[in-house]
Amino acid sequence: MKPEDNKPVKPVRKVSSLKWKRLFAKKWFFPAVYLATAALILSLVWWYQGAQNSGVNKTNTSWEDSFKQEEPTIGKSEHMKSPTKEISKTVESMGYYDEAASEKSKEAALVKYSNTYWPHPGLDYARKDGKSFDVLAAMGGKVLLVEENPLTGHQVEIRHNDGVVTIYQSLADVSVKKGDTVSQGDTIAKAGRNNFEKEAGIHLHFEVRKDGESVNPAQYLGKQ
């Protein structure tokens, strides 16, 4: 062995460790790591929220579909028909109070009750001989309400498509109940009496409401 071989050997640093220390010494290293980590966290949050929203939308859609299935189905070609069967024997005994009508027409559409005159919100039907008659569903739909009102008597409300509800008051012998589905022309009751229009005798009071607002039934009768 040569003398120079006995010289102490200098320690050798690992290259990989040296590179990491140099990398850590860079001023931009830790900010870059922070930004990368923040970006990853944000990406995970966005992905999670997207998955949650997707689940909510699916739930809402299924709920809406189930609600739509409960809606009454009415043919697009179905027209509103008269709520009375014996058209030849029944007459329109009182009309709808229309603000745009003549003074004579408005005067004829006022109901006197308790010394006060009230605008008539529908059409009244009665037989010429004063007898009762069958009351029919003007269109197919679902029965929303069946009750006895102290003023308007027994009444029935039927919901149809497009926010339309038909109301039948002053009834007797009601043959439907809440929740029933009826077809156009089905007999739902007979004409009777009520206290609000006591002088009208046996008659049917018929109303049409669109989105909760009373409208002239003449605008719908015979139309889709």
C-alpha atoms as a PDB file:
ATOM      1  CA  MET A   1       0.000   0.000   0.000  1.00  0.00           C
ATOM      2  CA  LYS A   2       1.204   3.396  -0.908  1.00  0.00           C
ATOM      3  CA  PRO A   3       1.553   6.122   1.742  1.00  0.00           C
ATOM      4  CA  GLU A   4      -1.009   8.286   0.053  1.00  0.00           C
ATOM      5  CA  ASP A   5      -3.525   5.538   0.477  1.00  0.00           C
ATOM      6  CA  ASN A   6      -3.490   6.141   4.239  1.00  0.00           C
ATOM      7  CA  LYS A   7      -4.862   9.716   3.877  1.00  0.00           C
ATOM      8  CA  PRO A   8      -8.260  10.235   5.547  1.00  0.00           C
ATOM      9  CA  VAL A   9     -11.172   9.953   3.180  1.00  0.00           C
ATOM     10  CA  LYS A  10     -13.459  13.032   3.002  1.00  0.00           C
ATOM     11  CA  PRO A  11     -17.125  12.298   3.657  1.00  0.00           C
ATOM     12  CA  VAL A  12     -19.268  12.249   0.530  1.00  0.00           C
ATOM     13  CA  ARG A  13     -22.730  13.885   0.717  1.00  0.00           C
ATOM     14  CA  LYS A  14     -25.561  12.145  -0.931  1.00  0.00           C
ATOM     15  CA  VAL A  15     -26.522  13.884  -4.100  1.00  0.00           C
ATOM     16  CA  SER A  16     -30.234  13.509  -3.506  1.00  0.00           C
ATOM     17  CA  SER A  17     -30.082  15.025  -0.014  1.00  0.00           C
ATOM     18  CA  LEU A  18     -28.034  17.949  -1.300  1.00  0.00           C
ATOM     19  CA  LYS A  19     -30.549  18.654  -4.055  1.00  0.00           C
ATOM     20  CA  TRP A  20     -33.444  18.707  -1.596  1.00  0.00           C
ATOM     21  CA  LYS A  21     -31.627  21.155   0.696  1.00  0.00           C
ATOM     22  CA  ARG A  22     -30.902  23.434  -2.237  1.00  0.00           C
ATOM     23  CA  LEU A  23     -34.552  23.167  -3.263  1.00  0.00           C
ATOM     24  CA  PHE A  24     -35.777  24.044   0.220  1.00  0.00           C
ATOM     25  CA  ALA A  25     -33.458  27.058   0.220  1.00  0.00           C
ATOM     26  CA  LYS A  26     -35.267  28.591  -2.751  1.00  0.00           C
ATOM     27  CA  LYS A  27     -37.548  31.485  -1.738  1.00  0.00           C
ATOM     28  CA  TRP A  28     -40.310  30.382  -4.082  1.00  0.00           C
ATOM     29  CA  PHE A  29     -40.447  26.748  -2.911  1.00  0.00           C
ATOM     30  CA  PHE A  30     -42.835  26.974   0.064  1.00  0.00           C
ATOM     31  CA  PRO A  31     -45.251  29.492  -1.609  1.00  0.00           C
ATOM     32  CA  ALA A  32     -45.420  27.148  -4.589  1.00  0.00           C
ATOM     33  CA  VAL A  33     -46.197  24.171  -2.351  1.00  0.00           C
ATOM     34  CA  TYR A  34     -48.885  26.186  -0.550  1.00  0.00           C
ATOM     35  CA  LEU A  35     -50.561  27.234  -3.816  1.00  0.00           C
ATOM     36  CA  ALA A  36     -50.501  23.702  -5.181  1.00  0.00           C
ATOM     37  CA  THR A  37     -52.050  22.350  -1.981  1.00  0.00           C
ATOM     38  CA  ALA A  38     -54.754  25.049  -1.980  1.00  0.00           C
ATOM     39  CA  ALA A  39     -55.584  24.291  -5.605  1.00  0.00           C
ATOM     40  CA  LEU A  40     -55.943  20.598  -4.820  1.00  0.00           C
ATOM     41  CA  ILE A  41     -58.219  21.287  -1.861  1.00  0.00           C
ATOM     42  CA  LEU A  42     -60.421  23.628  -3.935  1.00  0.00           C
ATOM     43  CA  SER A  43     -60.677  21.035  -6.686  1.00  0.00           C
ATOM     44  CA  LEU A  44     -61.835  18.431  -4.174  1.00  0.00           C
ATOM     45  CA  VAL A  45     -64.413  20.844  -2.690  1.00  0.00           C
ATOM     46  CA  TRP A  46     -65.824  21.711  -6.140  1.00  0.00           C
ATOM     47  CA  TRP A  47     -66.031  18.043  -7.057  1.00  0.00           C
ATOM     48  CA  TYR A  48     -67.855  17.221  -3.813  1.00  0.00           C
ATOM     49  CA  GLN A  49     -70.320  20.069  -4.243  1.00  0.00           C
ATOM     50  CA  GLY A  50     -71.004  19.021  -7.821  1.00  0.00           C
ATOM     51  CA  ALA A  51     -71.767  15.495  -6.701  1.00  0.00           C
ATOM     52  CA  GLN A  52     -74.115  16.777  -3.979  1.00  0.00           C
ATOM     53  CA  ASN A  53     -75.978  19.092  -6.384  1.00  0.00           C
ATOM     54  CA  SER A  54     -76.371  16.270  -8.840  1.00  0.00           C
ATOM     55  CA  GLY A  55     -77.987  14.158  -6.148  1.00  0.00           C
ATOM     56  CA  VAL A  56     -80.350  16.993  -5.147  1.00  0.00           C
ATOM     57  CA  ASN A  57     -81.398  17.584  -8.747  1.00  0.00           C
ATOM     58  CA  LYS A  58     -82.185  13.921  -9.194  1.00  0.00           C
ATOM     59  CA  THR A  59     -84.285  13.950  -6.014  1.00  0.00           C
ATOM     60  CA  ASN A  60     -86.180  17.072  -7.078  1.00  0.00           C
ATOM     61  CA  THR A  61     -86.825  15.652 -10.506  1.00  0.00           C
ATOM     62  CA  SER A  62     -88.240  12.435  -9.116  1.00  0.00           C
ATOM     63  CA  TRP A  63     -90.417  14.428  -6.673  1.00  0.00           C
ATOM     64  CA  GLU A  64     -91.729  16.662  -9.455  1.00  0.00           C
ATOM     65  CA  ASP A  65     -92.456  13.633 -11.620  1.00  0.00           C
ATOM     66  CA  SER A  66     -94.424  11.977  -8.832  1.00  0.00           C
ATOM     67  CA  PHE A  67     -96.369  15.210  -8.255  1.00  0.00           C
ATOM     68  CA  LYS A  68     -97.208  15.509 -11.934  1.00  0.00           C
ATOM     69  CA  GLN A  69     -98.540  11.979 -11.907  1.00  0.00           C
ATOM     70  CA  GLU A  70    -101.094  13.059  -9.307  1.00  0.00           C
ATOM     71  CA  GLU A  71    -102.395  15.847 -11.524  1.00  0.00           C
ATOM     72  CA  PRO A  72    -105.715  15.107 -13.257  1.00  0.00           C
ATOM     73  CA  THR A  73    -105.287  14.255 -16.905  1.00  0.00           C
ATOM     74  CA  ILE A  74    -107.526  16.086 -19.344  1.00  0.00           C
ATOM     75  CA  GLY A  75    -107.485  15.615 -23.081  1.00  0.00           C
ATOM     76  CA  LYS A  76    -106.187  18.625 -24.981  1.00  0.00           C
ATOM     77  CA  SER A  77    -109.310  18.576 -27.139  1.00  0.00           C
ATOM     78  CA  GLU A  78    -111.704  18.620 -24.158  1.00  0.00           C
ATOM     79  CA  HIS A  79    -113.949  21.678 -24.094  1.00  0.00           C
ATOM     80  CA  MET A  80    -115.785  22.964 -21.035  1.00  0.00           C
ATOM     81  CA  LYS A  81    -119.439  21.989 -21.279  1.00  0.00           C
ATOM     82  CA  SER A  82    -122.574  23.096 -19.512  1.00  0.00           C
ATOM     83  CA  PRO A  83    -122.843  21.796 -15.932  1.00  0.00           C
ATOM     84  CA  THR A  84    -126.494  20.905 -16.517  1.00  0.00           C
ATOM     85  CA  LYS A  85    -127.836  17.897 -18.358  1.00  0.00           C
ATOM     86  CA  GLU A  86    -131.278  19.144 -19.254  1.00  0.00           C
ATOM     87  CA  ILE A  87    -130.181  22.129 -21.316  1.00  0.00           C
ATOM     88  CA  SER A  88    -133.584  22.483 -22.951  1.00  0.00           C
ATOM     89  CA  LYS A  89    -135.320  22.687 -19.557  1.00  0.00           C
ATOM     90  CA  THR A  90    -132.791  24.815 -17.659  1.00  0.00           C
ATOM     91  CA  VAL A  91    -132.185  28.511 -18.107  1.00  0.00           C
ATOM     92  CA  GLU A  92    -129.499  30.931 -16.999  1.00  0.00           C
ATOM     93  CA  SER A  93    -131.325  32.651 -14.164  1.00  0.00           C
ATOM     94  CA  MET A  94    -128.526  35.069 -13.205  1.00  0.00           C
ATOM     95  CA  GLY A  95    -125.362  36.094 -15.050  1.00  0.00           C
ATOM     96  CA  TYR A  96    -121.813  37.013 -14.080  1.00  0.00           C
ATOM     97  CA  TYR A  97    -121.147  40.513 -12.744  1.00  0.00           C
ATOM     98  CA  ASP A  98    -118.800  42.097 -15.276  1.00  0.00           C
ATOM     99  CA  GLU A  99    -117.366  45.534 -14.580  1.00  0.00           C
ATOM    100  CA  ALA A 100    -117.080  46.157 -18.318  1.00  0.00           C
ATOM    101  CA  ALA A 101    -120.753  45.367 -18.966  1.00  0.00           C
ATOM    102  CA  SER A 102    -123.594  47.861 -19.265  1.00  0.00           C
ATOM    103  CA  GLU A 103    -125.228  49.307 -16.172  1.00  0.00           C
ATOM    104  CA  LYS A 104    -128.344  47.258 -16.877  1.00  0.00           C
ATOM    105  CA  SER A 105    -126.368  44.012 -17.058  1.00  0.00           C
ATOM    106  CA  LYS A 106    -124.452  44.808 -13.871  1.00  0.00           C
ATOM    107  CA  GLU A 107    -127.667  45.652 -12.044  1.00  0.00           C
ATOM    108  CA  ALA A 108    -129.139  42.308 -13.100  1.00  0.00           C
ATOM    109  CA  ALA A 109    -126.060  40.508 -11.702  1.00  0.00           C
ATOM    110  CA  LEU A 110    -126.394  41.780  -8.134  1.00  0.00           C
ATOM    111  CA  VAL A 111    -127.484  39.491  -5.288  1.00  0.00           C
ATOM    112  CA  LYS A 112    -129.378  41.069  -2.405  1.00  0.00           C
ATOM    113  CA  TYR A 113    -128.460  39.596   0.961  1.00  0.00           C
ATOM    114  CA  SER A 114    -128.816  41.130   4.404  1.00  0.00           C
ATOM    115  CA  ASN A 115    -129.864  44.491   2.927  1.00  0.00           C
ATOM    116  CA  THR A 116    -126.683  44.636   0.828  1.00  0.00           C
ATOM    117  CA  TYR A 117    -126.125  44.038  -2.874  1.00  0.00           C
ATOM    118  CA  TRP A 118    -123.281  41.685  -3.803  1.00  0.00           C
ATOM    119  CA  PRO A 119    -121.696  41.202  -7.270  1.00  0.00           C
ATOM    120  CA  HIS A 120    -122.535  37.741  -8.633  1.00  0.00           C
ATOM    121  CA  PRO A 121    -119.254  35.824  -9.332  1.00  0.00           C
ATOM    122  CA  GLY A 122    -120.702  33.070 -11.525  1.00  0.00           C
ATOM    123  CA  LEU A 123    -123.722  31.794 -13.442  1.00  0.00           C
ATOM    124  CA  ASP A 124    -126.976  30.472 -11.969  1.00  0.00           C
ATOM    125  CA  TYR A 125    -128.999  27.746 -13.659  1.00  0.00           C
ATOM    126  CA  ALA A 126    -132.590  26.788 -12.835  1.00  0.00           C
ATOM    127  CA  ARG A 127    -135.410  24.807 -14.372  1.00  0.00           C
ATOM    128  CA  LYS A 128    -138.399  26.676 -15.692  1.00  0.00           C
ATOM    129  CA  ASP A 129    -140.731  24.511 -13.593  1.00  0.00           C
ATOM    130  CA  GLY A 130    -138.645  25.040 -10.421  1.00  0.00           C
ATOM    131  CA  LYS A 131    -137.723  21.353 -10.056  1.00  0.00           C
ATOM    132  CA  SER A 132    -134.290  19.935  -9.286  1.00  0.00           C
ATOM    133  CA  PHE A 133    -131.939  18.601 -11.965  1.00  0.00           C
ATOM    134  CA  ASP A 134    -128.636  16.754 -12.289  1.00  0.00           C
ATOM    135  CA  VAL A 135    -125.423  18.765 -11.909  1.00  0.00           C
ATOM    136  CA  LEU A 136    -122.568  17.580 -14.127  1.00  0.00           C
ATOM    137  CA  ALA A 137    -118.793  18.042 -14.075  1.00  0.00           C
ATOM    138  CA  ALA A 138    -118.089  20.672 -16.720  1.00  0.00           C
ATOM    139  CA  MET A 139    -114.665  19.072 -17.383  1.00  0.00           C
ATOM    140  CA  GLY A 140    -112.733  16.091 -16.101  1.00  0.00           C
ATOM    141  CA  GLY A 141    -110.544  16.654 -13.058  1.00  0.00           C
ATOM    142  CA  LYS A 142    -109.915  15.958  -9.390  1.00  0.00           C
ATOM    143  CA  VAL A 143    -112.325  16.867  -6.590  1.00  0.00           C
ATOM    144  CA  LEU A 144    -110.620  19.364  -4.297  1.00  0.00           C
ATOM    145  CA  LEU A 145    -113.428  20.159  -1.870  1.00  0.00           C
ATOM    146  CA  VAL A 146    -116.796  18.841  -0.743  1.00  0.00           C
ATOM    147  CA  GLU A 147    -118.433  20.733   2.110  1.00  0.00           C
ATOM    148  CA  GLU A 148    -121.573  22.379   3.407  1.00  0.00           C
ATOM    149  CA  ASN A 149    -121.383  26.156   3.710  1.00  0.00           C
ATOM    150  CA  PRO A 150    -123.964  27.966   5.904  1.00  0.00           C
ATOM    151  CA  LEU A 151    -124.561  30.568   3.169  1.00  0.00           C
ATOM    152  CA  THR A 152    -123.885  28.899  -0.192  1.00  0.00           C
ATOM    153  CA  GLY A 153    -125.106  25.430   0.799  1.00  0.00           C
ATOM    154  CA  HIS A 154    -123.470  22.174  -0.238  1.00  0.00           C
ATOM    155  CA  GLN A 155    -120.618  22.843  -2.644  1.00  0.00           C
ATOM    156  CA  VAL A 156    -118.040  20.979  -4.720  1.00  0.00           C
ATOM    157  CA  GLU A 157    -114.769  22.230  -6.220  1.00  0.00           C
ATOM    158  CA  ILE A 158    -112.991  20.407  -9.046  1.00  0.00           C
ATOM    159  CA  ARG A 159    -109.438  21.114 -10.208  1.00  0.00           C
ATOM    160  CA  HIS A 160    -108.588  20.894 -13.890  1.00  0.00           C
ATOM    161  CA  ASN A 161    -105.451  21.549 -15.932  1.00  0.00           C
ATOM    162  CA  ASP A 162    -103.857  24.986 -16.472  1.00  0.00           C
ATOM    163  CA  GLY A 163    -104.875  26.369 -13.070  1.00  0.00           C
ATOM    164  CA  VAL A 164    -108.622  26.143 -13.750  1.00  0.00           C
ATOM    165  CA  VAL A 165    -111.068  25.255 -10.951  1.00  0.00           C
ATOM    166  CA  THR A 166    -114.824  24.871 -11.358  1.00  0.00           C
ATOM    167  CA  ILE A 167    -117.107  25.499  -8.350  1.00  0.00           C
ATOM    168  CA  TYR A 168    -120.638  24.144  -7.903  1.00  0.00           C
ATOM    169  CA  GLN A 169    -122.810  25.572  -5.094  1.00  0.00           C
ATOM    170  CA  SER A 170    -126.406  25.299  -3.883  1.00  0.00           C
ATOM    171  CA  LEU A 171    -126.292  21.510  -4.253  1.00  0.00           C
ATOM    172  CA  ALA A 172    -128.269  18.562  -2.935  1.00  0.00           C
ATOM    173  CA  ASP A 173    -127.517  14.829  -2.899  1.00  0.00           C
ATOM    174  CA  VAL A 174    -123.772  15.236  -3.539  1.00  0.00           C
ATOM    175  CA  SER A 175    -122.396  11.974  -4.978  1.00  0.00           C
ATOM    176  CA  VAL A 176    -118.628  12.678  -4.957  1.00  0.00           C
ATOM    177  CA  LYS A 177    -116.049  13.076  -2.222  1.00  0.00           C
ATOM    178  CA  LYS A 178    -112.739  14.873  -1.871  1.00  0.00           C
ATOM    179  CA  GLY A 179    -109.970  13.157  -3.824  1.00  0.00           C
ATOM    180  CA  ASP A 180    -112.253  11.578  -6.419  1.00  0.00           C
ATOM    181  CA  THR A 181    -111.301  11.800 -10.080  1.00  0.00           C
ATOM    182  CA  VAL A 182    -114.258  12.643 -12.305  1.00  0.00           C
ATOM    183  CA  SER A 183    -114.754  12.657 -16.053  1.00  0.00           C
ATOM    184  CA  GLN A 184    -116.528  15.335 -18.018  1.00  0.00           C
ATOM    185  CA  GLY A 185    -120.283  14.864 -17.843  1.00  0.00           C
ATOM    186  CA  ASP A 186    -120.253  12.778 -14.631  1.00  0.00           C
ATOM    187  CA  THR A 187    -123.159  13.529 -12.303  1.00  0.00           C
ATOM    188  CA  ILE A 188    -121.750  15.022  -9.100  1.00  0.00           C
ATOM    189  CA  ALA A 189    -124.956  16.231  -7.380  1.00  0.00           C
ATOM    190  CA  LYS A 190    -128.420  17.674  -7.857  1.00  0.00           C
ATOM    191  CA  ALA A 191    -129.500  21.294  -7.787  1.00  0.00           C
ATOM    192  CA  GLY A 192    -130.689  22.525  -4.389  1.00  0.00           C
ATOM    193  CA  ARG A 193    -131.143  25.643  -2.313  1.00  0.00           C
ATOM    194  CA  ASN A 194    -128.926  27.979  -0.282  1.00  0.00           C
ATOM    195  CA  ASN A 195    -129.368  30.905   2.077  1.00  0.00           C
ATOM    196  CA  PHE A 196    -127.297  33.435   0.148  1.00  0.00           C
ATOM    197  CA  GLU A 197    -129.600  33.307  -2.889  1.00  0.00           C
ATOM    198  CA  LYS A 198    -132.711  32.210  -1.072  1.00  0.00           C
ATOM    199  CA  GLU A 199    -135.065  33.942  -3.478  1.00  0.00           C
ATOM    200  CA  ALA A 200    -133.568  31.977  -6.391  1.00  0.00           C
ATOM    201  CA  GLY A 201    -135.173  28.771  -5.117  1.00  0.00           C
ATOM    202  CA  ILE A 202    -133.800  25.480  -6.437  1.00  0.00           C
ATOM    203  CA  HIS A 203    -130.845  26.307  -8.657  1.00  0.00           C
ATOM    204  CA  LEU A 204    -127.166  25.652  -9.404  1.00  0.00           C
ATOM    205  CA  HIS A 205    -124.554  28.322  -8.798  1.00  0.00           C
ATOM    206  CA  PHE A 206    -121.578  27.696 -11.112  1.00  0.00           C
ATOM    207  CA  GLU A 207    -118.204  29.482 -10.967  1.00  0.00           C
ATOM    208  CA  VAL A 208    -114.900  29.263 -12.847  1.00  0.00           C
ATOM    209  CA  ARG A 209    -111.635  30.402 -11.315  1.00  0.00           C
ATOM    210  CA  LYS A 210    -108.347  30.744 -13.149  1.00  0.00           C
ATOM    211  CA  ASP A 211    -105.220  30.831 -10.951  1.00  0.00           C
ATOM    212  CA  GLY A 212    -107.413  31.716  -7.984  1.00  0.00           C
ATOM    213  CA  GLU A 213    -109.229  34.590  -9.698  1.00  0.00           C
ATOM    214  CA  SER A 214    -112.949  34.507 -10.515  1.00  0.00           C
ATOM    215  CA  VAL A 215    -113.624  34.760 -14.269  1.00  0.00           C
ATOM    216  CA  ASN A 216    -116.729  34.815 -16.415  1.00  0.00           C
ATOM    217  CA  PRO A 217    -117.689  31.162 -17.084  1.00  0.00           C
ATOM    218  CA  ALA A 218    -119.029  32.234 -20.494  1.00  0.00           C
ATOM    219  CA  GLN A 219    -115.392  32.748 -21.565  1.00  0.00           C
ATOM    220  CA  TYR A 220    -114.689  29.041 -21.020  1.00  0.00           C
ATOM    221  CA  LEU A 221    -117.925  27.252 -21.867  1.00  0.00           C
ATOM    222  CA  GLY A 222    -117.530  25.599 -25.267  1.00  0.00           C
ATOM    223  CA  LYS A 223    -113.789  26.362 -25.337  1.00  0.00           C
ATOM    224  CA  GLN A 224    -110.656  24.374 -24.511  1.00  0.00           C
END
